[in-house]
Amino acid sequence: MVAGFLVALEVAARHYGVPGPVTEQVREVVLPPKSGFLLYAGMALTMVVLTWRQRLVALGAAIGVDLAFLVVREAFGVRVGHGHPFGNGALWVVLGCAVVAVTRRTGRERVLLLKGAGLGLLLVAGRKTGDTWLLITSKTRPTVLDQYVATADHALGNPSWLVGRLVTASGPIGFNLLDIVYGQLAVAAVVVALYQLRHVAVERRFPRHHLVRTFLVIGLLGPAVYMIFPVVGPVFAYGDGADHWSSVSLWAEAGHQFGHWPTADLWPHTTAPVRAPHPVPYDGFTPRNCMPSLHTAWAVTIFVHSRRGPRALRVAGAFWLVATLTATLGFGYHYGADLVAGVVFALTVEGGLRTYDRGWDRVGLRTVGYGAAVFVALLVAYRWLPLEMAEHAWLAGPLLLLALASVIYAYVRTFAPYERRRAAPTPRPQPQHELI
C-alpha cells in the first residue's frame, strides 16, 4: 500500500513537471542530498536494531562514504547548490542494512533488520511525500479560504498578529531560535523515538506503539484536509510572504519565479477587517498547507510521547511544543484557528492508533469518534460561520477553547490510565548476529 501511494504521488508530480518522492529519494544515493540531517536521523532509527559494535561500524561507514563523496566533488568542482555536503553515507548505510537483511539473515532477524531499514527510509520518504503533497495542493486549488479563517480568528483575538509582533520585537536572537526549532521538528521527534526504541536491540522486537507511527499517519492524512480546506497562512495572504518562503527545492528545479498575491499588506501590524469572507484566487506554487497546522500536530505528539521519558526529555518535549506554537504563529505561517484544529487532529490520530493497539475497545472508539466530530465541527464553523464567530467573539472564542479542552480531557481520561497500567517489558538479552 505504501509503495502504491508513493508511485501515485510520483506520477502526480511528473504530471506537473517536477520529480516526485521516489525520484528525489533515488537521487540522494549519489547527488548532494537536500535532507542531510534527516538522512542521519533516519539512519539513527535504523540503528536501534543493531548492537553497539554494529552501530559504530555503521556510523563509521556513513562518515567514510560522505568524506569520499566530499573529496570527489571537490576534485571535480561539483557544486552542492541547495543540497547538503553530507547525508549520502547515511542513506547508503540504511540501504546496506536492507541488503544484508535479504542476503545474510533469515527468519525473525531478517524481519527485524528490514523493519529497522524501513523505518529509516520511511522517515525520509515522509518528508519527500510532504513536498509532493504541497505541490499538488498549490496546483489543484486555485483559490484559498484565508479570509474565512482570518475572520473566524477574531474569536481568538487574532493570535498570529499578536505573536508576530512579539517575535519581531524579539529581534534576530528570538527569530533564529524559533526558526531552528521550527525547522528541526523531525530531529526532535527522532530523539524521542530513539528513547522509546532503546530496548529494541535487546528484546529483538519493536514496541506496539511509538512516535514514528503517529508522525507518519499524521503526515499521510493531514494533506488530504489541505485539499478540502486550502489556506496559505497570514504571512502569504496578508503580508510579504515572498520574504518568508524557504522551501524552494521543488520550485527551483521547475524554474518557477517566486512572489505572492496578498489580499492586503496587513500582517502583523494591522489585523484583518471583519467582513463577509469569500474565496480568493492565489498563485500556483504557494502550498495550501495551513488547515490543520501539522507542525502543531507533530509537536503535540512529541509532547505526548515524551511524557513517559526522564525529566530532561519531558522538559524538552514541553519546550518544543511551546516554541513550535510560538513559531507557527509568530512567523505568520498559521492562524490561531489552525492550531486549535491541529491539536484536535493530533489527539484524534494518536487516540485512534492507541485504540487499534487495544483492540478497538468501546471507550477508545467513543473518544476517537468524539475527537473526529469536534474536528469536523471546527472545519464547518470556520467555513460557514466565520462572520458570526467574529461578531460574537465573546461567545465563539470560549466555545472554541472549551471544545479543545474537552478533546484534551477525553484523551487524557481514556488513555492515561491505560499507559500507567501497562507494564514495561522486561529486557531479555539474546544472542546477537553481527552485521559484518
Protein backbone atom coordinates (compact mmCIF):
# COMPACT_ATOMS: atom_id res chain seq x y z
CA MET A 1 0.00 0.00 0.00
CA VAL A 2 2.81 2.41 0.90
CA ALA A 3 4.65 1.61 -2.33
CA GLY A 4 1.50 2.20 -4.37
CA PHE A 5 0.90 5.53 -2.64
CA LEU A 6 4.46 6.70 -3.38
CA VAL A 7 4.15 5.65 -7.02
CA ALA A 8 0.86 7.55 -7.34
CA LEU A 9 2.47 10.70 -5.93
CA GLU A 10 5.42 10.23 -8.27
CA VAL A 11 3.08 10.13 -11.25
CA ALA A 12 1.21 13.21 -10.00
CA ALA A 13 4.45 15.16 -9.54
CA ARG A 14 5.66 14.18 -13.02
CA HIS A 15 2.40 15.48 -14.40
CA TYR A 16 3.41 18.95 -13.12
CA GLY A 17 6.97 18.67 -14.40
CA VAL A 18 8.86 18.11 -11.14
CA PRO A 19 10.44 14.99 -9.60
CA GLY A 20 8.31 13.04 -7.13
CA PRO A 21 9.26 11.40 -3.80
CA VAL A 22 10.69 8.24 -5.36
CA THR A 23 12.95 10.13 -7.76
CA GLU A 24 14.08 12.52 -5.03
CA GLN A 25 14.99 9.60 -2.78
CA VAL A 26 16.89 7.75 -5.51
CA ARG A 27 18.82 10.90 -6.46
CA GLU A 28 20.20 11.23 -2.95
CA VAL A 29 22.09 7.97 -3.30
CA VAL A 30 24.65 9.90 -5.40
CA LEU A 31 23.68 13.57 -5.73
CA PRO A 32 24.06 16.12 -2.88
CA PRO A 33 21.07 15.43 -0.62
CA LYS A 34 18.55 18.08 0.34
CA SER A 35 17.85 16.35 3.66
CA GLY A 36 21.28 15.71 5.16
CA PHE A 37 20.30 15.92 8.82
CA LEU A 38 17.14 13.93 8.19
CA LEU A 39 19.08 11.14 6.48
CA TYR A 40 21.28 10.76 9.54
CA ALA A 41 18.17 10.83 11.73
CA GLY A 42 16.73 8.02 9.60
CA MET A 43 19.96 6.07 9.99
CA ALA A 44 19.73 6.53 13.75
CA LEU A 45 16.27 4.94 13.69
CA THR A 46 17.62 2.03 11.67
CA MET A 47 20.45 1.51 14.15
CA VAL A 48 18.06 0.76 17.01
CA VAL A 49 18.01 -2.87 15.78
CA LEU A 50 21.82 -3.13 15.80
CA THR A 51 24.29 -3.93 18.57
CA TRP A 52 26.62 -1.22 19.78
CA ARG A 53 29.51 -2.68 17.76
CA GLN A 54 27.35 -2.72 14.64
CA ARG A 55 26.27 0.87 15.29
CA LEU A 56 29.88 2.04 15.46
CA VAL A 57 30.64 0.21 12.22
CA ALA A 58 27.56 1.71 10.54
CA LEU A 59 28.35 5.24 11.72
CA GLY A 60 31.96 4.93 10.59
CA ALA A 61 30.84 3.65 7.20
CA ALA A 62 28.40 6.56 6.78
CA ILE A 63 31.06 9.14 7.63
CA GLY A 64 33.55 7.42 5.35
CA VAL A 65 31.17 7.45 2.39
CA ASP A 66 30.36 11.12 2.98
CA LEU A 67 34.06 12.01 3.12
CA ALA A 68 34.67 10.11 -0.12
CA PHE A 69 31.82 11.97 -1.83
CA LEU A 70 33.16 15.27 -0.48
CA VAL A 71 36.64 14.59 -1.87
CA VAL A 72 35.28 13.59 -5.30
CA ARG A 73 33.01 16.64 -5.50
CA GLU A 74 35.86 18.97 -4.55
CA ALA A 75 38.16 17.32 -7.09
CA PHE A 76 35.67 17.70 -9.94
CA GLY A 77 34.25 21.06 -8.79
CA VAL A 78 30.72 19.76 -8.20
CA ARG A 79 28.54 22.43 -6.63
CA VAL A 80 26.20 21.40 -3.82
CA GLY A 81 23.59 24.09 -4.61
CA HIS A 82 20.52 23.73 -2.39
CA GLY A 83 21.74 20.35 -1.13
CA HIS A 84 23.94 19.37 1.83
CA PRO A 85 27.55 18.21 1.60
CA PHE A 86 26.69 15.16 3.73
CA GLY A 87 23.92 12.58 4.05
CA ASN A 88 24.68 10.17 1.21
CA GLY A 89 26.62 7.93 3.57
CA ALA A 90 23.67 7.62 5.94
CA LEU A 91 21.40 6.56 3.07
CA TRP A 92 23.98 4.04 1.88
CA VAL A 93 24.12 2.50 5.37
CA VAL A 94 20.33 2.18 5.58
CA LEU A 95 20.17 0.59 2.15
CA GLY A 96 23.10 -1.65 3.10
CA CYS A 97 21.19 -2.88 6.15
CA ALA A 98 18.28 -3.81 3.88
CA VAL A 99 20.64 -5.71 1.56
CA VAL A 100 22.24 -7.55 4.49
CA ALA A 101 18.79 -8.46 5.80
CA VAL A 102 17.82 -10.05 2.49
CA THR A 103 21.11 -11.79 1.74
CA ARG A 104 22.53 -12.74 5.15
CA ARG A 105 19.62 -13.01 7.58
CA THR A 106 16.72 -15.39 7.94
CA GLY A 107 13.51 -15.61 9.92
CA ARG A 108 12.94 -13.20 12.76
CA GLU A 109 16.33 -11.50 12.42
CA ARG A 110 15.66 -10.71 8.77
CA VAL A 111 12.25 -9.21 9.60
CA LEU A 112 13.71 -7.11 12.42
CA LEU A 113 16.53 -5.69 10.29
CA LEU A 114 14.15 -4.98 7.42
CA LYS A 115 11.83 -3.16 9.83
CA GLY A 116 14.74 -1.04 11.02
CA ALA A 117 15.77 -0.15 7.48
CA GLY A 118 12.17 0.51 6.52
CA LEU A 119 11.69 2.82 9.48
CA GLY A 120 14.69 4.91 8.46
CA LEU A 121 13.61 5.09 4.82
CA LEU A 122 10.01 5.93 5.75
CA LEU A 123 11.13 8.92 7.82
CA VAL A 124 12.88 10.45 4.81
CA ALA A 125 10.20 9.33 2.36
CA GLY A 126 7.63 11.08 4.55
CA ARG A 127 9.47 14.37 4.03
CA LYS A 128 9.64 13.83 0.27
CA THR A 129 5.97 12.84 0.19
CA GLY A 130 5.07 16.02 2.04
CA ASP A 131 6.86 18.17 -0.54
CA THR A 132 4.92 16.48 -3.34
CA TRP A 133 1.62 16.89 -1.50
CA LEU A 134 2.29 20.61 -1.14
CA LEU A 135 2.88 20.84 -4.86
CA ILE A 136 -0.44 19.10 -5.56
CA THR A 137 -2.36 21.44 -3.24
CA SER A 138 -0.98 24.53 -4.97
CA LYS A 139 -1.73 23.23 -8.46
CA THR A 140 -5.21 21.82 -7.85
CA ARG A 141 -6.64 24.50 -5.55
CA PRO A 142 -6.59 27.85 -7.42
CA THR A 143 -8.49 29.68 -4.65
CA VAL A 144 -7.81 29.85 -0.92
CA LEU A 145 -10.07 30.31 2.10
CA ASP A 146 -7.83 32.57 4.16
CA GLN A 147 -10.49 35.24 4.55
CA TYR A 148 -12.74 32.69 6.25
CA VAL A 149 -10.11 31.59 8.76
CA ALA A 150 -8.83 35.13 9.37
CA THR A 151 -12.37 36.26 10.11
CA ALA A 152 -13.03 33.33 12.43
CA ASP A 153 -9.69 34.03 14.14
CA HIS A 154 -11.14 37.25 15.57
CA ALA A 155 -12.91 34.98 18.05
CA LEU A 156 -9.49 34.02 19.45
CA GLY A 157 -8.12 37.57 19.44
CA ASN A 158 -6.03 37.28 16.25
CA PRO A 159 -3.12 35.45 17.94
CA SER A 160 -0.97 35.33 14.79
CA TRP A 161 -0.92 39.13 14.62
CA LEU A 162 -0.12 39.42 18.34
CA VAL A 163 2.66 36.81 18.41
CA GLY A 164 4.01 38.10 15.09
CA ARG A 165 4.62 41.49 16.67
CA LEU A 166 6.25 39.85 19.71
CA VAL A 167 8.60 37.77 17.56
CA THR A 168 9.50 40.84 15.51
CA ALA A 169 10.27 42.74 18.71
CA SER A 170 12.48 39.90 19.97
CA GLY A 171 14.98 40.64 17.20
CA PRO A 172 17.30 38.20 15.42
CA ILE A 173 18.02 36.10 18.53
CA GLY A 174 14.40 35.13 19.15
CA PHE A 175 13.71 34.76 15.44
CA ASN A 176 16.68 32.47 14.80
CA LEU A 177 15.97 30.32 17.86
CA LEU A 178 12.37 29.76 16.79
CA ASP A 179 13.50 29.12 13.21
CA ILE A 180 15.79 26.31 14.40
CA VAL A 181 13.00 24.76 16.47
CA TYR A 182 10.52 25.04 13.61
CA GLY A 183 12.89 23.60 11.01
CA GLN A 184 14.23 20.69 13.05
CA LEU A 185 10.95 19.25 14.29
CA ALA A 186 11.68 15.86 12.71
CA VAL A 187 15.03 15.67 14.52
CA ALA A 188 13.27 16.31 17.85
CA ALA A 189 10.84 13.52 17.02
CA VAL A 190 13.74 11.16 16.32
CA VAL A 191 15.25 11.94 19.74
CA VAL A 192 12.01 10.93 21.46
CA ALA A 193 11.61 7.90 19.19
CA LEU A 194 15.15 6.73 19.95
CA TYR A 195 14.32 6.78 23.65
CA GLN A 196 11.17 4.74 23.04
CA LEU A 197 13.04 2.24 20.85
CA ARG A 198 16.15 1.96 23.04
CA HIS A 199 15.43 -1.69 24.01
CA VAL A 200 14.74 -3.00 20.50
CA ALA A 201 18.26 -4.38 20.02
CA VAL A 202 17.97 -6.35 23.28
CA GLU A 203 14.37 -7.52 23.05
CA ARG A 204 14.61 -8.18 19.27
CA ARG A 205 11.18 -6.65 18.69
CA PHE A 206 9.59 -3.22 18.28
CA PRO A 207 7.07 -1.87 20.82
CA ARG A 208 3.45 -1.95 19.70
CA HIS A 209 3.19 1.83 19.55
CA HIS A 210 5.82 4.54 19.17
CA LEU A 211 6.11 8.13 17.98
CA VAL A 212 7.19 7.39 14.40
CA ARG A 213 3.88 5.64 13.68
CA THR A 214 1.87 8.69 14.69
CA PHE A 215 4.20 11.02 12.80
CA LEU A 216 3.75 9.09 9.57
CA VAL A 217 -0.04 8.75 9.89
CA ILE A 218 -0.42 12.48 10.56
CA GLY A 219 1.71 13.22 7.50
CA LEU A 220 -0.42 10.87 5.41
CA LEU A 221 -3.87 12.12 6.48
CA GLY A 222 -3.20 15.81 7.04
CA PRO A 223 -2.62 16.83 3.40
CA ALA A 224 -5.98 15.34 2.47
CA VAL A 225 -7.57 18.05 4.64
CA TYR A 226 -5.46 20.65 2.82
CA MET A 227 -7.29 19.65 -0.35
CA ILE A 228 -10.66 20.18 1.36
CA PHE A 229 -9.76 23.43 3.13
CA PRO A 230 -6.96 25.24 1.22
CA VAL A 231 -5.34 28.03 3.24
CA VAL A 232 -1.93 29.65 2.71
CA GLY A 233 -1.47 31.50 6.02
CA PRO A 234 -1.35 35.11 7.27
CA VAL A 235 2.13 35.96 6.01
CA PHE A 236 1.17 34.97 2.47
CA ALA A 237 -2.44 36.17 2.38
CA TYR A 238 -1.93 39.36 4.40
CA GLY A 239 1.81 40.04 4.37
CA ASP A 240 5.08 39.86 2.48
CA GLY A 241 5.15 36.10 2.07
CA ALA A 242 7.93 36.15 -0.52
CA ASP A 243 10.45 37.15 2.17
CA HIS A 244 9.46 34.22 4.37
CA TRP A 245 9.30 31.43 1.81
CA SER A 246 12.19 28.96 2.20
CA SER A 247 11.04 25.61 0.80
CA VAL A 248 12.33 26.23 -2.69
CA SER A 249 13.62 22.83 -3.74
CA LEU A 250 10.77 21.70 -5.98
CA TRP A 251 10.09 25.09 -7.45
CA ALA A 252 13.69 25.97 -8.21
CA GLU A 253 14.05 22.80 -10.24
CA ALA A 254 10.84 23.57 -12.13
CA GLY A 255 12.10 27.08 -12.98
CA HIS A 256 9.33 28.93 -11.11
CA GLN A 257 9.67 32.56 -10.13
CA PHE A 258 8.67 33.41 -6.60
CA GLY A 259 6.20 36.03 -5.50
CA HIS A 260 2.99 36.41 -3.54
CA TRP A 261 -0.52 37.63 -4.01
CA PRO A 262 -1.51 39.15 -0.66
CA THR A 263 -5.04 40.35 -0.12
CA ALA A 264 -3.50 43.36 1.64
CA ASP A 265 -0.20 44.10 3.37
CA LEU A 266 -1.56 43.89 6.92
CA TRP A 267 0.34 41.21 8.83
CA PRO A 268 1.48 41.55 11.59
CA HIS A 269 0.75 45.20 12.42
CA THR A 270 -2.87 45.62 11.27
CA THR A 271 -5.48 42.94 11.85
CA ALA A 272 -7.66 41.73 9.01
CA PRO A 273 -11.02 43.52 8.82
CA VAL A 274 -14.24 41.83 9.88
CA ARG A 275 -16.33 41.46 6.75
CA ALA A 276 -18.14 38.81 4.76
CA PRO A 277 -15.37 36.47 3.52
CA HIS A 278 -15.10 34.89 0.10
CA PRO A 279 -12.61 32.57 -1.72
CA VAL A 280 -9.58 34.41 -3.08
CA PRO A 281 -7.58 33.39 -6.20
CA TYR A 282 -3.95 32.71 -5.36
CA ASP A 283 -0.73 31.82 -7.16
CA GLY A 284 0.07 28.36 -8.46
CA PHE A 285 3.02 27.48 -6.27
CA THR A 286 2.43 28.53 -2.63
CA PRO A 287 1.30 25.42 -0.68
CA ARG A 288 -2.18 25.44 0.83
CA ASN A 289 -0.86 23.78 3.98
CA CYS A 290 -2.40 25.57 6.95
CA MET A 291 -5.60 23.78 7.92
CA PRO A 292 -4.89 22.00 10.18
CA SER A 293 -1.44 23.00 11.40
CA LEU A 294 0.56 19.79 11.05
CA HIS A 295 3.57 21.36 12.76
CA THR A 296 1.30 21.82 15.76
CA ALA A 297 0.00 18.27 15.42
CA TRP A 298 3.52 16.83 15.30
CA ALA A 299 4.68 18.98 18.23
CA VAL A 300 1.71 17.74 20.27
CA THR A 301 2.63 14.11 19.56
CA ILE A 302 6.24 14.80 20.59
CA PHE A 303 4.93 16.27 23.83
CA VAL A 304 2.58 13.34 24.45
CA HIS A 305 5.21 10.67 23.77
CA SER A 306 7.85 12.44 25.86
CA ARG A 307 5.65 12.22 28.98
CA ARG A 308 6.89 8.71 29.82
CA GLY A 309 10.55 9.66 29.48
CA PRO A 310 13.03 11.05 32.01
CA ARG A 311 12.71 14.59 33.30
CA ALA A 312 15.07 16.06 30.71
CA LEU A 313 13.05 14.54 27.87
CA ARG A 314 9.76 15.77 29.35
CA VAL A 315 11.15 19.30 29.66
CA ALA A 316 12.46 19.16 26.08
CA GLY A 317 9.09 17.93 24.81
CA ALA A 318 7.27 20.77 26.57
CA PHE A 319 9.78 23.34 25.27
CA TRP A 320 9.45 22.07 21.70
CA LEU A 321 5.67 22.28 21.90
CA VAL A 322 5.64 25.86 23.21
CA ALA A 323 8.37 27.00 20.82
CA THR A 324 6.64 25.39 17.83
CA LEU A 325 3.31 27.02 18.65
CA THR A 326 5.09 30.36 19.02
CA ALA A 327 6.93 29.92 15.72
CA THR A 328 3.87 28.88 13.72
CA LEU A 329 2.04 31.99 14.87
CA GLY A 330 4.98 34.37 15.07
CA PHE A 331 6.24 33.62 11.57
CA GLY A 332 2.75 34.10 10.17
CA TYR A 333 2.52 30.54 8.86
CA HIS A 334 -0.73 29.77 10.69
CA TYR A 335 -3.81 31.32 12.24
CA GLY A 336 -4.88 30.52 15.78
CA ALA A 337 -7.80 28.54 14.39
CA ASP A 338 -5.28 26.29 12.58
CA LEU A 339 -3.56 25.49 15.86
CA VAL A 340 -6.83 24.55 17.58
CA ALA A 341 -7.67 22.21 14.71
CA GLY A 342 -4.10 20.82 14.73
CA VAL A 343 -4.26 19.83 18.40
CA VAL A 344 -7.63 18.14 17.95
CA PHE A 345 -6.37 16.37 14.82
CA ALA A 346 -3.22 15.12 16.58
CA LEU A 347 -5.02 13.74 19.63
CA THR A 348 -7.64 12.06 17.42
CA VAL A 349 -4.99 10.31 15.32
CA GLU A 350 -2.95 9.36 18.38
CA GLY A 351 -6.08 8.06 20.09
CA GLY A 352 -7.01 6.05 17.01
CA LEU A 353 -3.63 4.32 16.94
CA ARG A 354 -3.75 3.56 20.65
CA THR A 355 -7.30 2.23 20.32
CA TYR A 356 -6.15 -0.01 17.47
CA ASP A 357 -3.42 -1.41 19.73
CA ARG A 358 -6.00 -2.02 22.47
CA GLY A 359 -8.29 -3.96 20.15
CA TRP A 360 -10.87 -1.30 19.22
CA ASP A 361 -12.49 -1.18 22.66
CA ARG A 362 -15.69 0.82 23.08
CA VAL A 363 -14.25 3.58 25.27
CA GLY A 364 -11.41 4.22 22.84
CA LEU A 365 -13.74 4.26 19.84
CA ARG A 366 -16.02 6.72 21.60
CA THR A 367 -13.10 9.05 22.35
CA VAL A 368 -11.77 8.88 18.79
CA GLY A 369 -15.24 9.43 17.38
CA TYR A 370 -15.71 12.46 19.61
CA GLY A 371 -12.37 13.94 18.51
CA ALA A 372 -13.26 13.39 14.85
CA ALA A 373 -16.67 15.03 15.36
CA VAL A 374 -15.11 18.08 17.01
CA PHE A 375 -12.57 18.36 14.19
CA VAL A 376 -15.29 18.28 11.54
CA ALA A 377 -17.35 20.79 13.54
CA LEU A 378 -14.36 23.16 13.61
CA LEU A 379 -13.94 22.99 9.84
CA VAL A 380 -17.66 23.56 9.31
CA ALA A 381 -17.67 26.55 11.67
CA TYR A 382 -14.60 28.10 10.04
CA ARG A 383 -16.12 27.72 6.59
CA TRP A 384 -19.78 28.65 7.12
CA LEU A 385 -19.89 30.64 10.39
CA PRO A 386 -16.75 32.83 10.42
CA LEU A 387 -18.60 36.15 10.34
CA GLU A 388 -20.87 35.11 13.20
CA MET A 389 -17.82 33.92 15.15
CA ALA A 390 -16.09 37.28 14.69
CA GLU A 391 -19.18 39.32 15.58
CA HIS A 392 -19.83 37.23 18.71
CA ALA A 393 -16.22 36.66 19.76
CA TRP A 394 -17.19 36.77 23.44
CA LEU A 395 -19.16 33.56 22.83
CA ALA A 396 -17.32 31.86 19.96
CA GLY A 397 -13.85 32.21 21.48
CA PRO A 398 -14.66 30.45 24.76
CA LEU A 399 -16.60 27.77 22.86
CA LEU A 400 -13.57 27.04 20.67
CA LEU A 401 -11.33 26.75 23.72
CA LEU A 402 -13.94 24.64 25.51
CA ALA A 403 -14.14 22.26 22.55
CA LEU A 404 -10.34 21.98 22.53
CA ALA A 405 -10.22 21.39 26.28
CA SER A 406 -12.92 18.72 26.05
CA VAL A 407 -10.91 16.75 23.47
CA ILE A 408 -7.78 17.00 25.62
CA TYR A 409 -9.73 15.88 28.69
CA ALA A 410 -11.33 12.97 26.84
CA TYR A 411 -7.95 11.82 25.54
CA VAL A 412 -6.24 12.01 28.94
CA ARG A 413 -9.13 10.31 30.74
CA THR A 414 -9.25 7.46 28.22
CA PHE A 415 -5.60 6.71 27.58
CA ALA A 416 -3.57 7.98 30.54
CA PRO A 417 -4.77 5.22 32.93
CA TYR A 418 -4.00 2.59 30.30
CA GLU A 419 -0.48 3.94 29.89
CA ARG A 420 0.11 3.88 33.64
CA ARG A 421 -1.13 0.30 33.93
CA ARG A 422 0.90 -1.01 31.05
CA ALA A 423 3.88 -2.82 32.47
CA ALA A 424 7.27 -2.08 30.98
CA PRO A 425 8.66 -5.07 29.02
CA THR A 426 11.42 -7.00 30.71
CA PRO A 427 14.59 -7.00 28.61
CA ARG A 428 15.77 -10.47 27.69
CA PRO A 429 19.27 -10.47 26.23
CA GLN A 430 19.63 -12.84 23.33
CA PRO A 431 22.49 -13.81 21.05
CA GLN A 432 23.25 -11.04 18.58
CA HIS A 433 24.17 -11.52 14.94
CA GLU A 434 26.92 -9.36 13.54
CA LEU A 435 26.35 -7.05 10.60
CA ILE A 436 29.69 -7.88 9.03
